[in-house]
Amino acid sequence: MQSFHLAQLLAASLGGFFGAGARFIVSNQVYAWLGRDFAWGTLTVNVIGSFIIGFLAMLFIDKVHLSVEMRTFIIVGFLGSFTTFSTFSHETFLFLQSGEYLKAFLNISVSVLTGLIAVAIGIWAGKHFLAT
């Protein structure tokens, strides 16, 4: 098993600080615009994060060679904190608990489908960007 270095831990921690802050700002702004009747804020950050990771995957594979610390900062730290599976799960559970089964179903299906589509679009955009 490969061990990590202190620099990677610091990179992940610092990226997590910024990612969590960005998630707080973005999701709360979305909730201010669209209300809290549905998990719009969580859906938004997860879709944005899915697009970004798809896009960056193409850049990191073919074009941009970053240090392991910088990749850790961006992928594990920032995007790991910006996106949130735990909040998605909690919000879905709350919908189920309150008998809002349609909202729970929509939250699951829309989140998973749009996340996958966002990754695919990110990969396509990354490939297109590399081709130019």
C-alpha atoms as a PDB file:
ATOM      1  CA  MET A   1       0.000   0.000   0.000  1.00  0.00           C
ATOM      2  CA  GLN A   2       1.323   3.406  -0.988  1.00  0.00           C
ATOM      3  CA  SER A   3       1.669   5.896   1.819  1.00  0.00           C
ATOM      4  CA  PHE A   4       0.860   9.563   1.564  1.00  0.00           C
ATOM      5  CA  HIS A   5       3.088  12.455   2.358  1.00  0.00           C
ATOM      6  CA  LEU A   6       2.417  15.352   4.664  1.00  0.00           C
ATOM      7  CA  ALA A   7       2.329  17.655   1.636  1.00  0.00           C
ATOM      8  CA  GLN A   8      -0.566  15.635   0.175  1.00  0.00           C
ATOM      9  CA  LEU A   9      -2.448  15.777   3.466  1.00  0.00           C
ATOM     10  CA  LEU A  10      -1.988  19.539   3.613  1.00  0.00           C
ATOM     11  CA  ALA A  11      -3.031  19.870  -0.038  1.00  0.00           C
ATOM     12  CA  ALA A  12      -6.198  17.836   0.557  1.00  0.00           C
ATOM     13  CA  SER A  13      -6.987  19.810   3.698  1.00  0.00           C
ATOM     14  CA  LEU A  14      -6.480  23.187   2.069  1.00  0.00           C
ATOM     15  CA  GLY A  15      -8.469  22.149  -0.999  1.00  0.00           C
ATOM     16  CA  GLY A  16     -11.211  20.893   1.308  1.00  0.00           C
ATOM     17  CA  PHE A  17     -11.327  24.259   3.053  1.00  0.00           C
ATOM     18  CA  PHE A  18     -11.885  26.083  -0.222  1.00  0.00           C
ATOM     19  CA  GLY A  19     -14.240  23.443  -1.636  1.00  0.00           C
ATOM     20  CA  ALA A  20     -16.468  23.492   1.444  1.00  0.00           C
ATOM     21  CA  GLY A  21     -16.577  27.272   1.357  1.00  0.00           C
ATOM     22  CA  ALA A  22     -17.453  27.274  -2.328  1.00  0.00           C
ATOM     23  CA  ARG A  23     -20.179  24.659  -1.751  1.00  0.00           C
ATOM     24  CA  PHE A  24     -21.655  26.750   1.047  1.00  0.00           C
ATOM     25  CA  ILE A  25     -21.747  29.861  -1.126  1.00  0.00           C
ATOM     26  CA  VAL A  26     -23.072  28.185  -4.286  1.00  0.00           C
ATOM     27  CA  SER A  27     -25.692  25.983  -2.647  1.00  0.00           C
ATOM     28  CA  ASN A  28     -27.012  28.790  -0.453  1.00  0.00           C
ATOM     29  CA  GLN A  29     -27.236  31.131  -3.437  1.00  0.00           C
ATOM     30  CA  VAL A  30     -29.179  28.485  -5.366  1.00  0.00           C
ATOM     31  CA  TYR A  31     -31.518  27.958  -2.404  1.00  0.00           C
ATOM     32  CA  ALA A  32     -32.038  31.735  -2.231  1.00  0.00           C
ATOM     33  CA  TRP A  33     -33.042  31.743  -5.911  1.00  0.00           C
ATOM     34  CA  LEU A  34     -35.099  28.552  -6.078  1.00  0.00           C
ATOM     35  CA  GLY A  35     -36.224  27.940  -2.509  1.00  0.00           C
ATOM     36  CA  ARG A  36     -35.763  24.927  -0.267  1.00  0.00           C
ATOM     37  CA  ASP A  37     -38.709  22.817  -1.420  1.00  0.00           C
ATOM     38  CA  PHE A  38     -36.276  20.570  -3.253  1.00  0.00           C
ATOM     39  CA  ALA A  39     -32.547  19.796  -2.939  1.00  0.00           C
ATOM     40  CA  TRP A  40     -31.599  22.345  -5.616  1.00  0.00           C
ATOM     41  CA  GLY A  41     -28.407  23.529  -3.929  1.00  0.00           C
ATOM     42  CA  THR A  42     -26.999  20.048  -3.440  1.00  0.00           C
ATOM     43  CA  LEU A  43     -28.000  19.030  -6.950  1.00  0.00           C
ATOM     44  CA  THR A  44     -26.279  22.096  -8.385  1.00  0.00           C
ATOM     45  CA  VAL A  45     -22.937  21.605  -6.634  1.00  0.00           C
ATOM     46  CA  ASN A  46     -22.919  17.899  -7.461  1.00  0.00           C
ATOM     47  CA  VAL A  47     -23.605  18.520 -11.160  1.00  0.00           C
ATOM     48  CA  ILE A  48     -21.009  21.295 -11.365  1.00  0.00           C
ATOM     49  CA  GLY A  49     -18.476  19.096  -9.586  1.00  0.00           C
ATOM     50  CA  SER A  50     -19.263  16.180 -11.908  1.00  0.00           C
ATOM     51  CA  PHE A  51     -18.663  18.349 -14.968  1.00  0.00           C
ATOM     52  CA  ILE A  52     -15.409  19.698 -13.557  1.00  0.00           C
ATOM     53  CA  ILE A  53     -14.022  16.261 -12.696  1.00  0.00           C
ATOM     54  CA  GLY A  54     -14.863  14.974 -16.187  1.00  0.00           C
ATOM     55  CA  PHE A  55     -13.185  17.973 -17.767  1.00  0.00           C
ATOM     56  CA  LEU A  56     -10.123  17.776 -15.547  1.00  0.00           C
ATOM     57  CA  ALA A  57      -9.787  14.038 -16.113  1.00  0.00           C
ATOM     58  CA  MET A  58      -9.168  14.731 -19.790  1.00  0.00           C
ATOM     59  CA  LEU A  59      -6.733  17.538 -19.054  1.00  0.00           C
ATOM     60  CA  PHE A  60      -4.782  15.549 -16.480  1.00  0.00           C
ATOM     61  CA  ILE A  61      -4.560  12.501 -18.744  1.00  0.00           C
ATOM     62  CA  ASP A  62      -3.495  14.194 -21.962  1.00  0.00           C
ATOM     63  CA  LYS A  63      -2.383  17.766 -21.492  1.00  0.00           C
ATOM     64  CA  VAL A  64      -1.709  19.116 -18.019  1.00  0.00           C
ATOM     65  CA  HIS A  65       0.791  17.332 -15.832  1.00  0.00           C
ATOM     66  CA  LEU A  66       0.425  18.524 -12.260  1.00  0.00           C
ATOM     67  CA  SER A  67       2.209  17.396  -9.162  1.00  0.00           C
ATOM     68  CA  VAL A  68       0.500  14.791  -7.033  1.00  0.00           C
ATOM     69  CA  GLU A  69      -0.027  17.478  -4.395  1.00  0.00           C
ATOM     70  CA  MET A  70      -1.828  19.785  -6.818  1.00  0.00           C
ATOM     71  CA  ARG A  71      -4.023  16.957  -8.121  1.00  0.00           C
ATOM     72  CA  THR A  72      -4.794  16.034  -4.503  1.00  0.00           C
ATOM     73  CA  PHE A  73      -5.659  19.675  -3.749  1.00  0.00           C
ATOM     74  CA  ILE A  74      -8.066  19.869  -6.694  1.00  0.00           C
ATOM     75  CA  ILE A  75      -9.640  16.410  -6.863  1.00  0.00           C
ATOM     76  CA  VAL A  76      -9.620  15.109  -3.301  1.00  0.00           C
ATOM     77  CA  GLY A  77      -9.678  18.412  -1.468  1.00  0.00           C
ATOM     78  CA  PHE A  78     -11.633  20.953  -3.462  1.00  0.00           C
ATOM     79  CA  LEU A  79     -13.982  18.730  -5.475  1.00  0.00           C
ATOM     80  CA  GLY A  80     -14.333  16.242  -2.632  1.00  0.00           C
ATOM     81  CA  SER A  81     -15.614  19.017  -0.393  1.00  0.00           C
ATOM     82  CA  PHE A  82     -17.489  20.920  -3.076  1.00  0.00           C
ATOM     83  CA  THR A  83     -19.601  17.903  -4.001  1.00  0.00           C
ATOM     84  CA  THR A  84     -21.532  16.047  -1.353  1.00  0.00           C
ATOM     85  CA  PHE A  85     -22.915  12.547  -1.329  1.00  0.00           C
ATOM     86  CA  SER A  86     -23.719  12.693   2.368  1.00  0.00           C
ATOM     87  CA  THR A  87     -25.969  15.755   2.055  1.00  0.00           C
ATOM     88  CA  PHE A  88     -27.668  14.204  -0.984  1.00  0.00           C
ATOM     89  CA  SER A  89     -28.313  11.043   1.051  1.00  0.00           C
ATOM     90  CA  HIS A  90     -29.588  12.993   4.053  1.00  0.00           C
ATOM     91  CA  GLU A  91     -31.936  15.144   1.992  1.00  0.00           C
ATOM     92  CA  THR A  92     -33.274  12.056   0.227  1.00  0.00           C
ATOM     93  CA  PHE A  93     -33.820  10.348   3.580  1.00  0.00           C
ATOM     94  CA  LEU A  94     -35.697  13.398   4.871  1.00  0.00           C
ATOM     95  CA  PHE A  95     -37.981  13.297   1.830  1.00  0.00           C
ATOM     96  CA  LEU A  96     -38.690   9.620   2.496  1.00  0.00           C
ATOM     97  CA  GLN A  97     -39.199  10.193   6.199  1.00  0.00           C
ATOM     98  CA  SER A  98     -41.735  12.933   5.551  1.00  0.00           C
ATOM     99  CA  GLY A  99     -43.623  10.827   3.023  1.00  0.00           C
ATOM    100  CA  GLU A 100     -42.476  12.877   0.025  1.00  0.00           C
ATOM    101  CA  TYR A 101     -41.712   9.809  -2.064  1.00  0.00           C
ATOM    102  CA  LEU A 102     -41.906  11.584  -5.414  1.00  0.00           C
ATOM    103  CA  LYS A 103     -39.331  14.151  -4.277  1.00  0.00           C
ATOM    104  CA  ALA A 104     -37.091  11.364  -2.985  1.00  0.00           C
ATOM    105  CA  PHE A 105     -37.371   9.485  -6.279  1.00  0.00           C
ATOM    106  CA  LEU A 106     -36.749  12.650  -8.276  1.00  0.00           C
ATOM    107  CA  ASN A 107     -33.783  13.586  -6.114  1.00  0.00           C
ATOM    108  CA  ILE A 108     -32.188  10.184  -6.653  1.00  0.00           C
ATOM    109  CA  SER A 109     -32.916   9.884 -10.353  1.00  0.00           C
ATOM    110  CA  VAL A 110     -32.221  13.491 -11.332  1.00  0.00           C
ATOM    111  CA  SER A 111     -29.035  13.651  -9.259  1.00  0.00           C
ATOM    112  CA  VAL A 112     -27.592  10.428 -10.640  1.00  0.00           C
ATOM    113  CA  LEU A 113     -28.610  11.066 -14.254  1.00  0.00           C
ATOM    114  CA  THR A 114     -27.523  14.700 -14.365  1.00  0.00           C
ATOM    115  CA  GLY A 115     -24.282  13.801 -12.585  1.00  0.00           C
ATOM    116  CA  LEU A 116     -23.492  11.177 -15.207  1.00  0.00           C
ATOM    117  CA  ILE A 117     -24.460  13.519 -18.028  1.00  0.00           C
ATOM    118  CA  ALA A 118     -22.336  16.295 -16.516  1.00  0.00           C
ATOM    119  CA  VAL A 119     -19.298  13.997 -16.329  1.00  0.00           C
ATOM    120  CA  ALA A 120     -19.845  12.948 -19.950  1.00  0.00           C
ATOM    121  CA  ILE A 121     -20.158  16.574 -21.065  1.00  0.00           C
ATOM    122  CA  GLY A 122     -17.056  17.444 -19.047  1.00  0.00           C
ATOM    123  CA  ILE A 123     -15.101  14.652 -20.724  1.00  0.00           C
ATOM    124  CA  TRP A 124     -16.354  15.759 -24.143  1.00  0.00           C
ATOM    125  CA  ALA A 125     -15.479  19.395 -23.371  1.00  0.00           C
ATOM    126  CA  GLY A 126     -12.039  18.378 -22.132  1.00  0.00           C
ATOM    127  CA  LYS A 127     -11.376  16.381 -25.312  1.00  0.00           C
ATOM    128  CA  HIS A 128     -12.650  19.265 -27.447  1.00  0.00           C
ATOM    129  CA  PHE A 129     -10.494  21.732 -25.528  1.00  0.00           C
ATOM    130  CA  LEU A 130      -7.461  19.513 -26.045  1.00  0.00           C
ATOM    131  CA  ALA A 131      -8.154  19.297 -29.778  1.00  0.00           C
ATOM    132  CA  THR A 132      -7.902  23.065 -30.183  1.00  0.00           C
END
